[in-house]
């Protein structure tokens, strides 16, 4: 079986974003579990502060599962505690809450992507991710 490699097309670059998410208890973990289930994502790697997922389907999977139309992309999430000490005015309002800074990279996998389709699909997934993680 062919391994999934980042797209070889030089015209398609990864989509990146950064946002803050409120992290009360294990809410962020539960939200990520829901996101994985909703998108039927495959977990590629889990490390301290890093989660890599594959969202979408390879050409073979799309052929086997005729209903599966989404092309594969890697969703890379890096987490770190947000330091609010630099922002005195905002530190008071956030002092009782823990915020996590989330760095996101969406990377096209395989060679079936067009730049327009990748932009459309990755922006849709990013919007869904921000909504799920209650991003600010």
C-alpha atoms as a PDB file:
ATOM      1  CA  UNK A   1       0.000   0.000   0.000  1.00  0.00           C
ATOM      2  CA  UNK A   2       1.285   3.418  -0.959  1.00  0.00           C
ATOM      3  CA  UNK A   3       2.193   5.694   1.950  1.00  0.00           C
ATOM      4  CA  UNK A   4       0.601   9.095   2.196  1.00  0.00           C
ATOM      5  CA  UNK A   5       3.107  11.811   1.522  1.00  0.00           C
ATOM      6  CA  UNK A   6       2.578  15.548   1.539  1.00  0.00           C
ATOM      7  CA  UNK A   7       1.409  16.837  -1.822  1.00  0.00           C
ATOM      8  CA  UNK A   8       4.194  17.132  -4.379  1.00  0.00           C
ATOM      9  CA  UNK A   9       2.424  20.013  -6.050  1.00  0.00           C
ATOM     10  CA  UNK A  10       4.494  23.131  -5.431  1.00  0.00           C
ATOM     11  CA  UNK A  11       1.459  25.359  -5.936  1.00  0.00           C
ATOM     12  CA  UNK A  12      -0.291  24.029  -2.815  1.00  0.00           C
ATOM     13  CA  UNK A  13       1.101  25.199   0.483  1.00  0.00           C
ATOM     14  CA  UNK A  14      -0.181  24.201   3.922  1.00  0.00           C
ATOM     15  CA  UNK A  15      -2.791  26.364   5.608  1.00  0.00           C
ATOM     16  CA  UNK A  16      -1.727  27.500   9.080  1.00  0.00           C
ATOM     17  CA  UNK A  17      -3.538  29.249  11.903  1.00  0.00           C
ATOM     18  CA  UNK A  18      -3.118  30.045  15.607  1.00  0.00           C
ATOM     19  CA  UNK A  19      -5.820  30.627  18.181  1.00  0.00           C
ATOM     20  CA  UNK A  20      -6.549  30.384  21.900  1.00  0.00           C
ATOM     21  CA  UNK A  21      -8.961  27.890  23.385  1.00  0.00           C
ATOM     22  CA  UNK A  22     -10.435  27.809  26.861  1.00  0.00           C
ATOM     23  CA  UNK A  23      -9.282  24.647  28.617  1.00  0.00           C
ATOM     24  CA  UNK A  24     -11.370  23.866  31.691  1.00  0.00           C
ATOM     25  CA  UNK A  25     -10.469  20.465  33.087  1.00  0.00           C
ATOM     26  CA  UNK A  26     -10.449  17.984  30.221  1.00  0.00           C
ATOM     27  CA  UNK A  27     -12.853  19.891  27.980  1.00  0.00           C
ATOM     28  CA  UNK A  28     -10.237  20.381  25.246  1.00  0.00           C
ATOM     29  CA  UNK A  29      -9.502  16.644  25.195  1.00  0.00           C
ATOM     30  CA  UNK A  30     -13.204  15.810  24.985  1.00  0.00           C
ATOM     31  CA  UNK A  31     -13.717  18.334  22.186  1.00  0.00           C
ATOM     32  CA  UNK A  32     -10.834  16.768  20.230  1.00  0.00           C
ATOM     33  CA  UNK A  33     -12.339  13.288  20.713  1.00  0.00           C
ATOM     34  CA  UNK A  34     -15.594  14.614  19.273  1.00  0.00           C
ATOM     35  CA  UNK A  35     -13.758  16.168  16.323  1.00  0.00           C
ATOM     36  CA  UNK A  36     -11.970  12.879  15.596  1.00  0.00           C
ATOM     37  CA  UNK A  37     -15.259  10.971  15.670  1.00  0.00           C
ATOM     38  CA  UNK A  38     -17.120  13.575  13.592  1.00  0.00           C
ATOM     39  CA  UNK A  39     -14.532  13.563  10.808  1.00  0.00           C
ATOM     40  CA  UNK A  40     -13.646   9.866  11.118  1.00  0.00           C
ATOM     41  CA  UNK A  41     -10.040  10.991  11.461  1.00  0.00           C
ATOM     42  CA  UNK A  42      -7.139   8.592  11.779  1.00  0.00           C
ATOM     43  CA  UNK A  43      -4.685   9.358  14.580  1.00  0.00           C
ATOM     44  CA  UNK A  44      -1.174   9.444  13.098  1.00  0.00           C
ATOM     45  CA  UNK A  45       0.813  10.565  16.133  1.00  0.00           C
ATOM     46  CA  UNK A  46       0.274  11.698  19.714  1.00  0.00           C
ATOM     47  CA  UNK A  47       3.022  13.326  21.754  1.00  0.00           C
ATOM     48  CA  UNK A  48       3.177  15.819  24.586  1.00  0.00           C
ATOM     49  CA  UNK A  49       1.648  18.964  23.094  1.00  0.00           C
ATOM     50  CA  UNK A  50       1.229  17.488  19.589  1.00  0.00           C
ATOM     51  CA  UNK A  51      -1.581  15.676  17.785  1.00  0.00           C
ATOM     52  CA  UNK A  52      -1.385  14.606  14.130  1.00  0.00           C
ATOM     53  CA  UNK A  53      -4.522  13.374  12.358  1.00  0.00           C
ATOM     54  CA  UNK A  54      -5.369  12.237   8.844  1.00  0.00           C
ATOM     55  CA  UNK A  55      -8.729  13.538   7.689  1.00  0.00           C
ATOM     56  CA  UNK A  56     -10.241  12.343   4.423  1.00  0.00           C
ATOM     57  CA  UNK A  57      -9.654   9.292   2.300  1.00  0.00           C
ATOM     58  CA  UNK A  58      -7.040   7.949  -0.091  1.00  0.00           C
ATOM     59  CA  UNK A  59      -7.972   7.182  -3.679  1.00  0.00           C
ATOM     60  CA  UNK A  60      -8.354   3.463  -2.821  1.00  0.00           C
ATOM     61  CA  UNK A  61     -10.556   4.219   0.197  1.00  0.00           C
ATOM     62  CA  UNK A  62     -12.743   6.521  -1.916  1.00  0.00           C
ATOM     63  CA  UNK A  63     -13.126   3.733  -4.473  1.00  0.00           C
ATOM     64  CA  UNK A  64     -14.019   1.122  -1.819  1.00  0.00           C
ATOM     65  CA  UNK A  65     -16.342   3.446   0.108  1.00  0.00           C
ATOM     66  CA  UNK A  66     -18.217   5.109  -2.735  1.00  0.00           C
ATOM     67  CA  UNK A  67     -19.764   7.703  -0.398  1.00  0.00           C
ATOM     68  CA  UNK A  68     -16.351   8.975   0.744  1.00  0.00           C
ATOM     69  CA  UNK A  69     -15.454  12.021  -1.338  1.00  0.00           C
ATOM     70  CA  UNK A  70     -13.045  13.965   0.875  1.00  0.00           C
ATOM     71  CA  UNK A  71      -9.413  13.957  -0.183  1.00  0.00           C
ATOM     72  CA  UNK A  72      -6.795  13.240   2.506  1.00  0.00           C
ATOM     73  CA  UNK A  73      -5.050  15.949   4.463  1.00  0.00           C
ATOM     74  CA  UNK A  74      -2.978  15.987   7.607  1.00  0.00           C
ATOM     75  CA  UNK A  75      -4.244  18.043  10.520  1.00  0.00           C
ATOM     76  CA  UNK A  76      -1.347  18.945  12.804  1.00  0.00           C
ATOM     77  CA  UNK A  77      -2.218  20.496  16.171  1.00  0.00           C
ATOM     78  CA  UNK A  78       0.394  21.820  18.594  1.00  0.00           C
ATOM     79  CA  UNK A  79      -0.718  22.872  22.074  1.00  0.00           C
ATOM     80  CA  UNK A  80       0.936  24.972  24.748  1.00  0.00           C
ATOM     81  CA  UNK A  81      -0.267  26.854  27.796  1.00  0.00           C
ATOM     82  CA  UNK A  82      -0.858  30.487  26.990  1.00  0.00           C
ATOM     83  CA  UNK A  83       1.162  32.905  29.103  1.00  0.00           C
ATOM     84  CA  UNK A  84      -1.094  35.809  30.068  1.00  0.00           C
ATOM     85  CA  UNK A  85       1.494  37.612  32.194  1.00  0.00           C
ATOM     86  CA  UNK A  86       2.539  39.819  29.261  1.00  0.00           C
ATOM     87  CA  UNK A  87      -0.929  41.316  28.897  1.00  0.00           C
ATOM     88  CA  UNK A  88      -1.740  42.992  32.235  1.00  0.00           C
ATOM     89  CA  UNK A  89      -5.203  44.253  31.234  1.00  0.00           C
ATOM     90  CA  UNK A  90      -6.365  40.871  29.960  1.00  0.00           C
ATOM     91  CA  UNK A  91      -4.692  38.891  32.758  1.00  0.00           C
ATOM     92  CA  UNK A  92      -7.368  39.918  35.250  1.00  0.00           C
ATOM     93  CA  UNK A  93     -10.222  38.628  33.087  1.00  0.00           C
ATOM     94  CA  UNK A  94      -8.401  35.393  32.251  1.00  0.00           C
ATOM     95  CA  UNK A  95      -6.778  34.742  35.639  1.00  0.00           C
ATOM     96  CA  UNK A  96      -9.398  32.215  36.715  1.00  0.00           C
ATOM     97  CA  UNK A  97      -9.378  30.365  33.399  1.00  0.00           C
ATOM     98  CA  UNK A  98      -6.695  28.342  31.656  1.00  0.00           C
ATOM     99  CA  UNK A  99      -6.195  29.068  28.001  1.00  0.00           C
ATOM    100  CA  UNK A 100      -4.289  26.891  25.579  1.00  0.00           C
ATOM    101  CA  UNK A 101      -2.583  28.269  22.487  1.00  0.00           C
ATOM    102  CA  UNK A 102      -3.260  26.033  19.474  1.00  0.00           C
ATOM    103  CA  UNK A 103      -1.052  26.092  16.364  1.00  0.00           C
ATOM    104  CA  UNK A 104      -2.756  24.426  13.402  1.00  0.00           C
ATOM    105  CA  UNK A 105      -1.298  23.233  10.108  1.00  0.00           C
ATOM    106  CA  UNK A 106      -3.420  21.621   7.394  1.00  0.00           C
ATOM    107  CA  UNK A 107      -1.230  19.778   4.899  1.00  0.00           C
ATOM    108  CA  UNK A 108      -2.547  18.241   1.656  1.00  0.00           C
ATOM    109  CA  UNK A 109      -1.684  14.554   1.242  1.00  0.00           C
ATOM    110  CA  UNK A 110      -1.391  12.791  -2.086  1.00  0.00           C
ATOM    111  CA  UNK A 111      -1.535  14.279  -5.573  1.00  0.00           C
ATOM    112  CA  UNK A 112      -5.273  14.638  -6.205  1.00  0.00           C
ATOM    113  CA  UNK A 113      -5.610  18.144  -4.765  1.00  0.00           C
ATOM    114  CA  UNK A 114      -6.124  21.315  -6.762  1.00  0.00           C
ATOM    115  CA  UNK A 115      -5.222  24.601  -5.050  1.00  0.00           C
ATOM    116  CA  UNK A 116      -8.859  25.764  -5.116  1.00  0.00           C
ATOM    117  CA  UNK A 117     -10.227  22.553  -3.648  1.00  0.00           C
ATOM    118  CA  UNK A 118      -7.569  22.451  -0.929  1.00  0.00           C
ATOM    119  CA  UNK A 119      -8.314  26.054   0.072  1.00  0.00           C
ATOM    120  CA  UNK A 120     -12.044  25.336   0.205  1.00  0.00           C
ATOM    121  CA  UNK A 121     -11.764  22.057   2.153  1.00  0.00           C
ATOM    122  CA  UNK A 122      -9.033  23.238   4.525  1.00  0.00           C
ATOM    123  CA  UNK A 123     -10.891  26.457   5.373  1.00  0.00           C
ATOM    124  CA  UNK A 124     -14.053  24.445   6.057  1.00  0.00           C
ATOM    125  CA  UNK A 125     -12.135  22.085   8.356  1.00  0.00           C
ATOM    126  CA  UNK A 126     -10.387  25.003  10.081  1.00  0.00           C
ATOM    127  CA  UNK A 127     -13.730  26.758  10.675  1.00  0.00           C
ATOM    128  CA  UNK A 128     -15.131  23.517  12.122  1.00  0.00           C
ATOM    129  CA  UNK A 129     -12.048  23.059  14.321  1.00  0.00           C
ATOM    130  CA  UNK A 130     -12.272  26.614  15.671  1.00  0.00           C
ATOM    131  CA  UNK A 131     -15.986  26.149  16.405  1.00  0.00           C
ATOM    132  CA  UNK A 132     -15.385  22.812  18.159  1.00  0.00           C
ATOM    133  CA  UNK A 133     -12.546  24.140  20.301  1.00  0.00           C
ATOM    134  CA  UNK A 134     -14.375  27.382  21.107  1.00  0.00           C
ATOM    135  CA  UNK A 135     -11.502  29.456  19.752  1.00  0.00           C
ATOM    136  CA  UNK A 136     -10.960  33.095  20.584  1.00  0.00           C
END
